[in-house]
C-alpha atoms as a PDB file:
ATOM      1  CA  MET A   1       0.069  -0.162   0.299  1.00  0.00           C
ATOM      2  CA  PRO A   2       1.800   3.620  -1.067  1.00  0.00           C
ATOM      3  CA  ALA A   3       2.653   5.401   2.188  1.00  0.00           C
ATOM      4  CA  ARG A   4       0.269   8.522   2.063  1.00  0.00           C
ATOM      5  CA  ALA A   5      -3.054   8.073   0.907  1.00  0.00           C
ATOM      6  CA  TYR A   6      -4.816  10.417  -0.828  1.00  0.00           C
ATOM      7  CA  TRP A   7      -7.306  11.344   1.123  1.00  0.00           C
ATOM      8  CA  GLN A   8      -8.136  10.574   4.425  1.00  0.00           C
ATOM      9  CA  GLY A   9     -11.735  11.229   6.699  1.00  0.00           C
ATOM     10  CA  GLN A  10     -14.796   9.297   7.314  1.00  0.00           C
ATOM     11  CA  ILE A  11     -17.522   8.048   5.580  1.00  0.00           C
ATOM     12  CA  ARG A  12     -20.676   8.550   7.596  1.00  0.00           C
ATOM     13  CA  LEU A  13     -24.229   6.934   6.879  1.00  0.00           C
ATOM     14  CA  ALA A  14     -26.753   8.718   9.895  1.00  0.00           C
ATOM     15  CA  LEU A  15     -24.923   8.337  12.743  1.00  0.00           C
ATOM     16  CA  VAL A  16     -22.793   5.636  11.303  1.00  0.00           C
ATOM     17  CA  SER A  17     -18.914   6.819  10.997  1.00  0.00           C
ATOM     18  CA  ILE A  18     -16.462   4.550   8.984  1.00  0.00           C
ATOM     19  CA  PRO A  19     -12.928   5.951   9.199  1.00  0.00           C
ATOM     20  CA  VAL A  20     -10.921   5.701   6.062  1.00  0.00           C
ATOM     21  CA  GLU A  21      -8.271   6.309   3.581  1.00  0.00           C
ATOM     22  CA  ILE A  22      -8.911   6.767  -0.759  1.00  0.00           C
ATOM     23  CA  TYR A  23      -5.831   5.869  -3.277  1.00  0.00           C
ATOM     24  CA  PRO A  24      -6.120   6.332  -6.296  1.00  0.00           C
ATOM     25  CA  ALA A  25      -7.189   3.525  -8.615  1.00  0.00           C
ATOM     26  CA  THR A  26      -5.132   4.716 -11.702  1.00  0.00           C
ATOM     27  CA  ARG A  27      -1.872   5.677 -12.890  1.00  0.00           C
ATOM     28  CA  SER A  28      -0.262   7.232 -15.929  1.00  0.00           C
ATOM     29  CA  THR A  29       1.931   4.913 -17.745  1.00  0.00           C
ATOM     30  CA  ALA A  30       2.870   7.143 -20.696  1.00  0.00           C
ATOM     31  CA  ALA A  31       6.402   6.084 -21.647  1.00  0.00           C
ATOM     32  CA  VAL A  32       6.988   8.784 -24.548  1.00  0.00           C
ATOM     33  CA  THR A  33       7.217  12.202 -23.636  1.00  0.00           C
ATOM     34  CA  PHE A  34       8.292  15.692 -25.761  1.00  0.00           C
ATOM     35  CA  ARG A  35      10.933  18.506 -24.553  1.00  0.00           C
ATOM     36  CA  GLN A  36      10.312  21.917 -26.770  1.00  0.00           C
ATOM     37  CA  ILE A  37      14.111  22.548 -28.226  1.00  0.00           C
ATOM     38  CA  HIS A  38      15.730  25.737 -29.017  1.00  0.00           C
ATOM     39  CA  GLU A  39      16.336  24.292 -32.863  1.00  0.00           C
ATOM     40  CA  PRO A  40      19.548  26.372 -33.684  1.00  0.00           C
ATOM     41  CA  SER A  41      21.564  25.959 -30.439  1.00  0.00           C
ATOM     42  CA  GLY A  42      19.883  22.201 -29.400  1.00  0.00           C
ATOM     43  CA  LYS A  43      19.444  23.690 -25.865  1.00  0.00           C
ATOM     44  CA  PRO A  44      15.554  22.848 -24.009  1.00  0.00           C
ATOM     45  CA  ILE A  45      13.626  25.340 -23.520  1.00  0.00           C
ATOM     46  CA  LYS A  46      12.941  26.511 -19.372  1.00  0.00           C
ATOM     47  CA  TYR A  47      10.221  29.126 -18.408  1.00  0.00           C
ATOM     48  CA  GLU A  48       9.982  31.364 -16.062  1.00  0.00           C
ATOM     49  CA  LYS A  49       7.717  33.379 -13.551  1.00  0.00           C
ATOM     50  CA  VAL A  50       7.620  37.020 -15.276  1.00  0.00           C
ATOM     51  CA  VAL A  51       5.338  39.623 -14.172  1.00  0.00           C
ATOM     52  CA  PRO A  52       5.552  42.752 -16.937  1.00  0.00           C
ATOM     53  CA  GLY A  53       7.302  45.371 -16.163  1.00  0.00           C
ATOM     54  CA  ILE A  54       9.110  44.024 -13.718  1.00  0.00           C
ATOM     55  CA  GLY A  55      10.825  40.810 -15.483  1.00  0.00           C
ATOM     56  CA  PRO A  56      11.174  37.344 -13.352  1.00  0.00           C
ATOM     57  CA  VAL A  57      10.290  36.961  -9.902  1.00  0.00           C
ATOM     58  CA  ASP A  58      10.413  34.321  -7.658  1.00  0.00           C
ATOM     59  CA  THR A  59       8.009  31.830  -6.762  1.00  0.00           C
ATOM     60  CA  ASP A  60       8.118  33.137  -2.966  1.00  0.00           C
ATOM     61  CA  GLU A  61       6.350  36.158  -4.396  1.00  0.00           C
ATOM     62  CA  ILE A  62       3.834  34.235  -5.835  1.00  0.00           C
ATOM     63  CA  MET A  63       0.296  34.160  -4.144  1.00  0.00           C
ATOM     64  CA  LYS A  64      -3.379  32.846  -5.787  1.00  0.00           C
ATOM     65  CA  GLY A  65      -5.614  35.953  -7.054  1.00  0.00           C
ATOM     66  CA  PHE A  66      -9.408  35.839  -7.777  1.00  0.00           C
ATOM     67  CA  GLU A  67     -10.535  38.138 -10.669  1.00  0.00           C
ATOM     68  CA  VAL A  68     -13.419  40.501  -9.749  1.00  0.00           C
ATOM     69  CA  GLY A  69     -13.110  42.447 -12.125  1.00  0.00           C
ATOM     70  CA  LYS A  70     -10.966  43.060 -15.016  1.00  0.00           C
ATOM     71  CA  GLY A  71      -7.428  44.048 -14.077  1.00  0.00           C
ATOM     72  CA  ASP A  72      -8.325  43.726  -9.903  1.00  0.00           C
ATOM     73  CA  TYR A  73      -8.148  40.465  -7.781  1.00  0.00           C
ATOM     74  CA  VAL A  74      -8.156  39.549  -4.321  1.00  0.00           C
ATOM     75  CA  LEU A  75      -5.327  37.641  -3.091  1.00  0.00           C
ATOM     76  CA  LEU A  76      -5.648  34.480  -1.062  1.00  0.00           C
ATOM     77  CA  SER A  77      -2.653  33.319   0.537  1.00  0.00           C
ATOM     78  CA  PRO A  78      -2.308  28.984   0.787  1.00  0.00           C
ATOM     79  CA  GLU A  79      -3.700  29.435   4.296  1.00  0.00           C
ATOM     80  CA  GLU A  80      -6.570  31.460   4.068  1.00  0.00           C
ATOM     81  CA  ILE A  81      -7.770  28.635   1.406  1.00  0.00           C
ATOM     82  CA  ASP A  82      -7.218  26.200   3.768  1.00  0.00           C
ATOM     83  CA  ALA A  83      -9.011  27.811   6.202  1.00  0.00           C
ATOM     84  CA  VAL A  84     -12.380  27.636   4.219  1.00  0.00           C
ATOM     85  CA  LYS A  85     -14.713  25.666   6.303  1.00  0.00           C
ATOM     86  CA  LEU A  86     -16.407  22.289   4.011  1.00  0.00           C
ATOM     87  CA  GLU A  87     -17.720  19.166   5.907  1.00  0.00           C
ATOM     88  CA  SER A  88     -16.734  17.292   3.376  1.00  0.00           C
ATOM     89  CA  LYS A  89     -13.976  17.923   3.607  1.00  0.00           C
ATOM     90  CA  LYS A  90     -12.780  15.343   5.950  1.00  0.00           C
ATOM     91  CA  THR A  91     -16.661  13.797   6.195  1.00  0.00           C
ATOM     92  CA  LEU A  92     -18.579  11.589   3.450  1.00  0.00           C
ATOM     93  CA  GLU A  93     -21.974  12.002   4.408  1.00  0.00           C
ATOM     94  CA  LEU A  94     -23.893   9.550   1.618  1.00  0.00           C
ATOM     95  CA  THR A  95     -26.724  11.435   1.507  1.00  0.00           C
ATOM     96  CA  GLN A  96     -28.924   8.801  -1.539  1.00  0.00           C
ATOM     97  CA  PHE A  97     -28.005   5.179  -2.722  1.00  0.00           C
ATOM     98  CA  VAL A  98     -29.233   4.473  -6.187  1.00  0.00           C
ATOM     99  CA  ASP A  99     -29.507   1.772  -9.234  1.00  0.00           C
ATOM    100  CA  ALA A 100     -25.696   2.116 -10.812  1.00  0.00           C
ATOM    101  CA  GLY A 101     -27.961   1.556 -13.950  1.00  0.00           C
ATOM    102  CA  ASP A 102     -29.316   4.836 -13.240  1.00  0.00           C
ATOM    103  CA  ILE A 103     -25.899   7.033 -13.738  1.00  0.00           C
ATOM    104  CA  ASP A 104     -25.076   7.913 -16.374  1.00  0.00           C
ATOM    105  CA  VAL A 105     -21.808   6.901 -17.685  1.00  0.00           C
ATOM    106  CA  LEU A 106     -20.723  10.228 -19.208  1.00  0.00           C
ATOM    107  CA  TYR A 107     -20.848  11.495 -15.492  1.00  0.00           C
ATOM    108  CA  TYR A 108     -18.298   8.859 -14.441  1.00  0.00           C
ATOM    109  CA  GLU A 109     -14.800  10.757 -14.195  1.00  0.00           C
ATOM    110  CA  LYS A 110     -11.652   9.048 -12.064  1.00  0.00           C
ATOM    111  CA  PRO A 111     -11.696   5.692  -9.336  1.00  0.00           C
ATOM    112  CA  TYR A 112     -10.285   6.004  -6.366  1.00  0.00           C
ATOM    113  CA  PHE A 113      -9.479   2.414  -3.699  1.00  0.00           C
ATOM    114  CA  VAL A 114     -11.288   3.169  -0.446  1.00  0.00           C
ATOM    115  CA  VAL A 115      -9.784   0.781   2.586  1.00  0.00           C
ATOM    116  CA  PRO A 116     -10.354   0.992   6.507  1.00  0.00           C
ATOM    117  CA  ALA A 117      -8.238   3.261   8.001  1.00  0.00           C
ATOM    118  CA  ASP A 118      -7.922   0.921  10.580  1.00  0.00           C
ATOM    119  CA  ASP A 119      -9.208  -2.563  12.666  1.00  0.00           C
ATOM    120  CA  LEU A 120     -11.271  -0.575  14.612  1.00  0.00           C
ATOM    121  CA  ALA A 121     -13.117   0.797  11.646  1.00  0.00           C
ATOM    122  CA  GLU A 122     -13.133  -2.612   9.658  1.00  0.00           C
ATOM    123  CA  GLU A 123     -16.052  -4.202  11.000  1.00  0.00           C
ATOM    124  CA  ALA A 124     -18.612  -1.265   9.446  1.00  0.00           C
ATOM    125  CA  TYR A 125     -16.524  -1.080   6.354  1.00  0.00           C
ATOM    126  CA  ILE A 126     -17.899  -4.822   6.157  1.00  0.00           C
ATOM    127  CA  VAL A 127     -20.651  -4.391   6.663  1.00  0.00           C
ATOM    128  CA  LEU A 128     -21.602  -0.827   4.708  1.00  0.00           C
ATOM    129  CA  ARG A 129     -19.631  -2.890   1.691  1.00  0.00           C
ATOM    130  CA  GLU A 130     -21.662  -5.895   2.053  1.00  0.00           C
ATOM    131  CA  ALA A 131     -25.292  -3.696   2.377  1.00  0.00           C
ATOM    132  CA  LEU A 132     -24.009  -2.015  -0.946  1.00  0.00           C
ATOM    133  CA  LYS A 133     -23.359  -5.579  -2.572  1.00  0.00           C
ATOM    134  CA  ARG A 134     -27.422  -7.174  -1.766  1.00  0.00           C
ATOM    135  CA  SER A 135     -28.533  -4.009  -2.231  1.00  0.00           C
ATOM    136  CA  ARG A 136     -27.254  -2.771  -5.210  1.00  0.00           C
ATOM    137  CA  LYS A 137     -26.910  -0.186  -4.641  1.00  0.00           C
ATOM    138  CA  VAL A 138     -25.089   3.114  -4.954  1.00  0.00           C
ATOM    139  CA  GLY A 139     -24.074   5.195  -2.578  1.00  0.00           C
ATOM    140  CA  LEU A 140     -23.328   9.234  -3.233  1.00  0.00           C
ATOM    141  CA  GLY A 141     -22.584  12.246  -1.174  1.00  0.00           C
ATOM    142  CA  GLN A 142     -20.299  15.309  -2.323  1.00  0.00           C
ATOM    143  CA  LEU A 143     -15.830  14.626  -0.685  1.00  0.00           C
ATOM    144  CA  ALA A 144     -13.283  17.768  -1.274  1.00  0.00           C
ATOM    145  CA  MET A 145     -10.445  16.737  -2.659  1.00  0.00           C
ATOM    146  CA  ARG A 146      -7.400  19.660  -3.510  1.00  0.00           C
ATOM    147  CA  GLY A 147      -9.516  22.531  -3.840  1.00  0.00           C
ATOM    148  CA  ARG A 148     -12.990  21.568  -5.183  1.00  0.00           C
ATOM    149  CA  GLU A 149     -15.935  19.331  -3.883  1.00  0.00           C
ATOM    150  CA  TYR A 150     -16.570  16.475  -5.723  1.00  0.00           C
ATOM    151  CA  VAL A 151     -19.991  14.587  -6.221  1.00  0.00           C
ATOM    152  CA  VAL A 152     -18.616  11.240  -5.701  1.00  0.00           C
ATOM    153  CA  SER A 153     -20.183   7.134  -5.617  1.00  0.00           C
ATOM    154  CA  LEU A 154     -19.563   4.330  -3.525  1.00  0.00           C
ATOM    155  CA  LYS A 155     -19.869   0.761  -4.606  1.00  0.00           C
ATOM    156  CA  PRO A 156     -18.241  -2.598  -3.613  1.00  0.00           C
ATOM    157  CA  CYS A 157     -15.462  -3.835  -5.403  1.00  0.00           C
ATOM    158  CA  GLY A 158     -13.831  -6.405  -4.165  1.00  0.00           C
ATOM    159  CA  LYS A 159     -12.734  -7.399  -0.587  1.00  0.00           C
ATOM    160  CA  GLY A 160     -13.033  -3.578  -1.195  1.00  0.00           C
ATOM    161  CA  MET A 161     -14.880  -0.040  -2.205  1.00  0.00           C
ATOM    162  CA  VAL A 162     -14.802   1.826  -5.214  1.00  0.00           C
ATOM    163  CA  LEU A 163     -15.687   5.883  -4.655  1.00  0.00           C
ATOM    164  CA  GLU A 164     -15.802   7.622  -8.637  1.00  0.00           C
ATOM    165  CA  THR A 165     -15.586  10.918  -8.851  1.00  0.00           C
ATOM    166  CA  LEU A 166     -18.318  11.819 -10.869  1.00  0.00           C
ATOM    167  CA  ARG A 167     -18.596  14.934 -13.180  1.00  0.00           C
ATOM    168  CA  TYR A 168     -21.778  17.962 -12.528  1.00  0.00           C
ATOM    169  CA  ALA A 169     -23.887  18.522 -14.532  1.00  0.00           C
ATOM    170  CA  ASP A 170     -23.400  21.616 -15.664  1.00  0.00           C
ATOM    171  CA  GLU A 171     -20.170  20.042 -16.786  1.00  0.00           C
ATOM    172  CA  VAL A 172     -21.853  16.988 -18.646  1.00  0.00           C
ATOM    173  CA  ASN A 173     -23.014  18.716 -23.057  1.00  0.00           C
ATOM    174  CA  ARG A 174     -25.965  17.648 -24.202  1.00  0.00           C
ATOM    175  CA  ALA A 175     -26.500  14.529 -26.506  1.00  0.00           C
ATOM    176  CA  GLN A 176     -29.317  15.510 -28.141  1.00  0.00           C
ATOM    177  CA  THR A 177     -26.574  18.879 -29.355  1.00  0.00           C
ATOM    178  CA  TYR A 178     -24.702  16.387 -31.323  1.00  0.00           C
ATOM    179  CA  PHE A 179     -27.034  13.036 -32.072  1.00  0.00           C
ATOM    180  CA  ARG A 180     -30.129  15.324 -33.397  1.00  0.00           C
ATOM    181  CA  GLU A 181     -28.810  15.110 -36.961  1.00  0.00           C
ATOM    182  CA  ILE A 182     -28.823  11.264 -36.793  1.00  0.00           C
ATOM    183  CA  GLY A 183     -31.666  10.005 -38.434  1.00  0.00           C
ATOM    184  CA  SER A 184     -34.318   7.694 -36.849  1.00  0.00           C
ATOM    185  CA  THR A 185     -35.543   5.126 -40.075  1.00  0.00           C
ATOM    186  CA  ALA A 186     -34.871   1.743 -38.417  1.00  0.00           C
ATOM    187  CA  PRO A 187     -32.112  -0.509 -39.876  1.00  0.00           C
ATOM    188  CA  ASP A 188     -32.965  -3.183 -42.819  1.00  0.00           C
ATOM    189  CA  ALA A 189     -33.325  -6.910 -41.343  1.00  0.00           C
ATOM    190  CA  GLU A 190     -30.712  -7.923 -42.728  1.00  0.00           C
ATOM    191  CA  LEU A 191     -27.891  -5.676 -42.924  1.00  0.00           C
ATOM    192  CA  LEU A 192     -28.546  -5.932 -38.816  1.00  0.00           C
ATOM    193  CA  GLU A 193     -28.746  -9.609 -39.169  1.00  0.00           C
ATOM    194  CA  LEU A 194     -25.313  -9.499 -40.460  1.00  0.00           C
ATOM    195  CA  ALA A 195     -23.912  -6.888 -37.609  1.00  0.00           C
ATOM    196  CA  GLU A 196     -25.278  -8.901 -34.894  1.00  0.00           C
ATOM    197  CA  THR A 197     -23.424 -11.944 -35.956  1.00  0.00           C
ATOM    198  CA  LEU A 198     -20.280 -10.594 -35.978  1.00  0.00           C
ATOM    199  CA  ILE A 199     -20.393  -9.075 -32.693  1.00  0.00           C
ATOM    200  CA  GLU A 200     -21.129 -12.086 -31.601  1.00  0.00           C
ATOM    201  CA  LYS A 201     -18.433 -13.452 -33.499  1.00  0.00           C
ATOM    202  CA  LYS A 202     -15.559 -11.301 -32.111  1.00  0.00           C
ATOM    203  CA  ALA A 203     -17.900 -11.245 -28.347  1.00  0.00           C
ATOM    204  CA  LYS A 204     -15.386 -12.038 -26.094  1.00  0.00           C
ATOM    205  CA  PRO A 205     -14.891 -11.903 -21.689  1.00  0.00           C
ATOM    206  CA  PHE A 206     -12.644  -8.504 -21.537  1.00  0.00           C
ATOM    207  CA  ASP A 207      -9.120  -8.742 -20.481  1.00  0.00           C
ATOM    208  CA  PRO A 208      -7.235  -5.617 -20.255  1.00  0.00           C
ATOM    209  CA  THR A 209      -4.382  -7.263 -20.722  1.00  0.00           C
ATOM    210  CA  ARG A 210      -4.194  -7.547 -24.159  1.00  0.00           C
ATOM    211  CA  PHE A 211      -4.871  -3.588 -25.451  1.00  0.00           C
ATOM    212  CA  ALA A 212      -1.489  -2.511 -25.000  1.00  0.00           C
ATOM    213  CA  ASP A 213       0.316   1.462 -25.776  1.00  0.00           C
ATOM    214  CA  HIS A 214       0.544   1.122 -29.605  1.00  0.00           C
ATOM    215  CA  TYR A 215       1.483   4.597 -29.972  1.00  0.00           C
ATOM    216  CA  THR A 216       4.210   4.596 -27.650  1.00  0.00           C
ATOM    217  CA  ASP A 217       5.432   2.478 -29.429  1.00  0.00           C
ATOM    218  CA  ALA A 218       5.417   3.841 -32.277  1.00  0.00           C
ATOM    219  CA  VAL A 219       7.285   6.479 -31.176  1.00  0.00           C
ATOM    220  CA  LYS A 220      10.363   4.564 -29.925  1.00  0.00           C
ATOM    221  CA  GLN A 221      10.131   3.561 -33.494  1.00  0.00           C
ATOM    222  CA  LEU A 222      10.416   6.698 -34.911  1.00  0.00           C
ATOM    223  CA  VAL A 223      13.142   8.172 -32.436  1.00  0.00           C
ATOM    224  CA  ALA A 224      14.924   4.742 -33.170  1.00  0.00           C
ATOM    225  CA  ARG A 225      15.035   5.426 -37.363  1.00  0.00           C
ATOM    226  CA  LYS A 226      15.469   9.352 -35.954  1.00  0.00           C
ATOM    227  CA  GLN A 227      18.977   8.276 -35.095  1.00  0.00           C
ATOM    228  CA  LYS A 228      19.923   6.266 -37.519  1.00  0.00           C
ATOM    229  CA  ALA A 229      18.546   8.647 -40.527  1.00  0.00           C
ATOM    230  CA  LYS A 230      22.003  11.307 -38.907  1.00  0.00           C
ATOM    231  CA  GLY A 231      19.398  13.383 -38.214  1.00  0.00           C
ATOM    232  CA  ARG A 232      17.577  13.682 -41.873  1.00  0.00           C
ATOM    233  CA  LYS A 233      13.583  14.007 -41.808  1.00  0.00           C
ATOM    234  CA  ILE A 234      12.348  10.636 -42.133  1.00  0.00           C
ATOM    235  CA  THR A 235       8.350  11.056 -43.973  1.00  0.00           C
ATOM    236  CA  ALA A 236       5.079   9.374 -43.356  1.00  0.00           C
ATOM    237  CA  GLU A 237       3.405   6.927 -45.099  1.00  0.00           C
ATOM    238  CA  PRO A 238       0.081   8.699 -47.180  1.00  0.00           C
ATOM    239  CA  ASP A 239      -2.476   8.309 -44.432  1.00  0.00           C
ATOM    240  CA  GLU A 240      -5.889   5.731 -46.031  1.00  0.00           C
ATOM    241  CA  PRO A 241      -8.699   8.279 -47.693  1.00  0.00           C
ATOM    242  CA  ARG A 242     -11.330   9.021 -45.424  1.00  0.00           C
ATOM    243  CA  PRO A 243     -14.114   6.961 -45.864  1.00  0.00           C
ATOM    244  CA  SER A 244     -17.050   9.639 -47.106  1.00  0.00           C
ATOM    245  CA  GLY A 245     -20.673   8.907 -48.253  1.00  0.00           C
ATOM    246  CA  ALA A 246     -18.760   8.331 -52.259  1.00  0.00           C
ATOM    247  CA  ASN A 247     -16.291   5.965 -51.515  1.00  0.00           C
ATOM    248  CA  VAL A 248     -18.657   3.982 -48.798  1.00  0.00           C
ATOM    249  CA  VAL A 249     -18.668   0.342 -49.699  1.00  0.00           C
ATOM    250  CA  ASP A 250     -21.178  -0.833 -49.924  1.00  0.00           C
ATOM    251  CA  LEU A 251     -22.601  -1.893 -46.177  1.00  0.00           C
ATOM    252  CA  MET A 252     -23.248  -5.474 -47.360  1.00  0.00           C
ATOM    253  CA  ALA A 253     -20.720  -6.462 -48.900  1.00  0.00           C
ATOM    254  CA  ALA A 254     -18.313  -5.688 -46.847  1.00  0.00           C
ATOM    255  CA  LEU A 255     -20.665  -6.640 -43.590  1.00  0.00           C
ATOM    256  CA  LYS A 256     -20.210 -10.287 -45.562  1.00  0.00           C
ATOM    257  CA  LYS A 257     -16.768 -10.342 -46.202  1.00  0.00           C
ATOM    258  CA  SER A 258     -16.280  -9.454 -42.993  1.00  0.00           C
ATOM    259  CA  LEU A 259     -18.055 -12.580 -41.682  1.00  0.00           C
ATOM    260  CA  GLU A 260     -15.827 -14.896 -44.432  1.00  0.00           C
ATOM    261  CA  LYS A 261     -12.391 -13.932 -42.253  1.00  0.00           C
ATOM    262  CA  PRO A 262     -10.971 -17.650 -41.059  1.00  0.00           C
ATOM    263  CA  GLY A 263     -12.862 -19.126 -37.284  1.00  0.00           C
ATOM    264  CA  ALA A 264     -16.086 -16.993 -38.907  1.00  0.00           C
ATOM    265  CA  ALA A 265     -17.580 -20.671 -40.525  1.00  0.00           C
ATOM    266  CA  GLY A 266     -20.046 -21.201 -37.245  1.00  0.00           C
ATOM    267  CA  SER A 267     -21.369 -17.642 -37.352  1.00  0.00           C
ATOM    268  CA  ARG A 268     -22.090 -17.697 -40.850  1.00  0.00           C
ATOM    269  CA  SER A 269     -24.337 -20.872 -40.681  1.00  0.00           C
ATOM    270  CA  ARG A 270     -26.047 -19.804 -36.922  1.00  0.00           C
ATOM    271  CA  ALA A 271     -26.545 -16.635 -39.349  1.00  0.00           C
ATOM    272  CA  LYS A 272     -28.248 -18.581 -42.460  1.00  0.00           C
ATOM    273  CA  THR A 273     -29.886 -20.700 -40.034  1.00  0.00           C
ATOM    274  CA  SER A 274     -31.541 -17.627 -38.157  1.00  0.00           C
ATOM    275  CA  ALA A 275     -32.367 -16.857 -42.354  1.00  0.00           C
ATOM    276  CA  ALA A 276     -33.973 -18.664 -43.138  1.00  0.00           C
ATOM    277  CA  ALA A 277     -35.656 -19.522 -40.028  1.00  0.00           C
ATOM    278  CA  LYS A 278     -37.566 -15.943 -40.524  1.00  0.00           C
ATOM    279  CA  PRO A 279     -38.674 -16.713 -44.191  1.00  0.00           C
ATOM    280  CA  ALA A 280     -40.327 -20.384 -43.125  1.00  0.00           C
ATOM    281  CA  ALA A 281     -41.967 -18.507 -39.967  1.00  0.00           C
ATOM    282  CA  ALA A 282     -43.520 -16.256 -42.029  1.00  0.00           C
ATOM    283  CA  LYS A 283     -44.729 -18.777 -44.386  1.00  0.00           C
ATOM    284  CA  SER A 284     -45.734 -21.784 -42.133  1.00  0.00           C
ATOM    285  CA  ALA A 285     -49.109 -18.640 -40.772  1.00  0.00           C
ATOM    286  CA  PRO A 286     -51.775 -19.288 -43.555  1.00  0.00           C
ATOM    287  CA  SER A 287     -53.253 -15.880 -44.597  1.00  0.00           C
ATOM    288  CA  LYS A 288     -56.523 -15.151 -45.029  1.00  0.00           C
ATOM    289  CA  SER A 289     -56.743 -13.888 -48.176  1.00  0.00           C
ATOM    290  CA  THR A 290     -54.428 -17.119 -50.078  1.00  0.00           C
ATOM    291  CA  PRO A 291     -55.141 -20.055 -50.390  1.00  0.00           C
ATOM    292  CA  SER A 292     -53.390 -22.823 -48.764  1.00  0.00           C
ATOM    293  CA  LYS A 293     -49.768 -23.862 -50.756  1.00  0.00           C
ATOM    294  CA  PRO A 294     -49.832 -27.196 -52.347  1.00  0.00           C
ATOM    295  CA  THR A 295     -46.812 -28.993 -50.825  1.00  0.00           C
ATOM    296  CA  ALA A 296     -49.579 -29.567 -47.713  1.00  0.00           C
ATOM    297  CA  LYS A 297     -51.761 -31.750 -50.398  1.00  0.00           C
ATOM    298  CA  LYS A 298     -48.551 -33.412 -51.634  1.00  0.00           C
ATOM    299  CA  PRO A 299     -47.772 -35.589 -49.016  1.00  0.00           C
ATOM    300  CA  ALA A 300     -51.451 -37.349 -48.996  1.00  0.00           C
ATOM    301  CA  ALA A 301     -51.182 -37.884 -52.453  1.00  0.00           C
ATOM    302  CA  ARG A 302     -47.927 -40.482 -52.348  1.00  0.00           C
ATOM    303  CA  LYS A 303     -50.198 -41.954 -49.137  1.00  0.00           C
ATOM    304  CA  ARG A 304     -52.885 -42.243 -51.438  1.00  0.00           C
ATOM    305  CA  ALA A 305     -50.667 -44.321 -54.197  1.00  0.00           C
END
């Protein structure tokens, strides 16, 4: 466990308080970083804190300022900012419980592991974890961390619990703004069935280790090529043209071709069986305005023979 918790405080449910510590559940693994370089000299660019008309200043002369008018700032020291009284700075009060499906995926921001602060807190921690599991609910509350108050959710995760910061309503763009031009017509039934078959073919349990950061590998290869080129510019291969309304491949042909790849035989047979079953089912239902089909008479004729 990391030596220092990201947040320390208590979870409060009615009159029950559970001392907990919070640790980041994710980390950045980006292995490629760039520095800005002055090309003529080959030296890195440095940044200085500069005041117009004065020049560079020391960091201990810098304060935070809140702009109350154009060019008019109220200066605040770190001690004054830390003195802001918010109960959520030390207490996460669970004020509401909802079904996990009620929270749109757009609201989730960042996950944290929640662990009991000591052995005495463990019993109440386990009770809350199991109660959330049995009820299949997610706890909601607000928590202040690093100069900001967040809406957060609390849910069970294996032997522990995970807290996720959520975005406020005004931080999420309305989907309708971007989707309003998309048509509402139903898709072609055969195209839809082919697409479903292709999805079924590629369906597997989620395994995050199957995915790698190809961009990092590609940049490292580029750096190696650049070193061998001894300063010569490396030209990139032209990108494939982006599909547009004028050159989109026929969708039916593309889906069928996708299913022809190795390992798709079983999926194709299921698709054909399903497609054949639909017309057969339709034919088996006699229509009021349609006479009986001759196929029903043929077996009887053979019996008489």
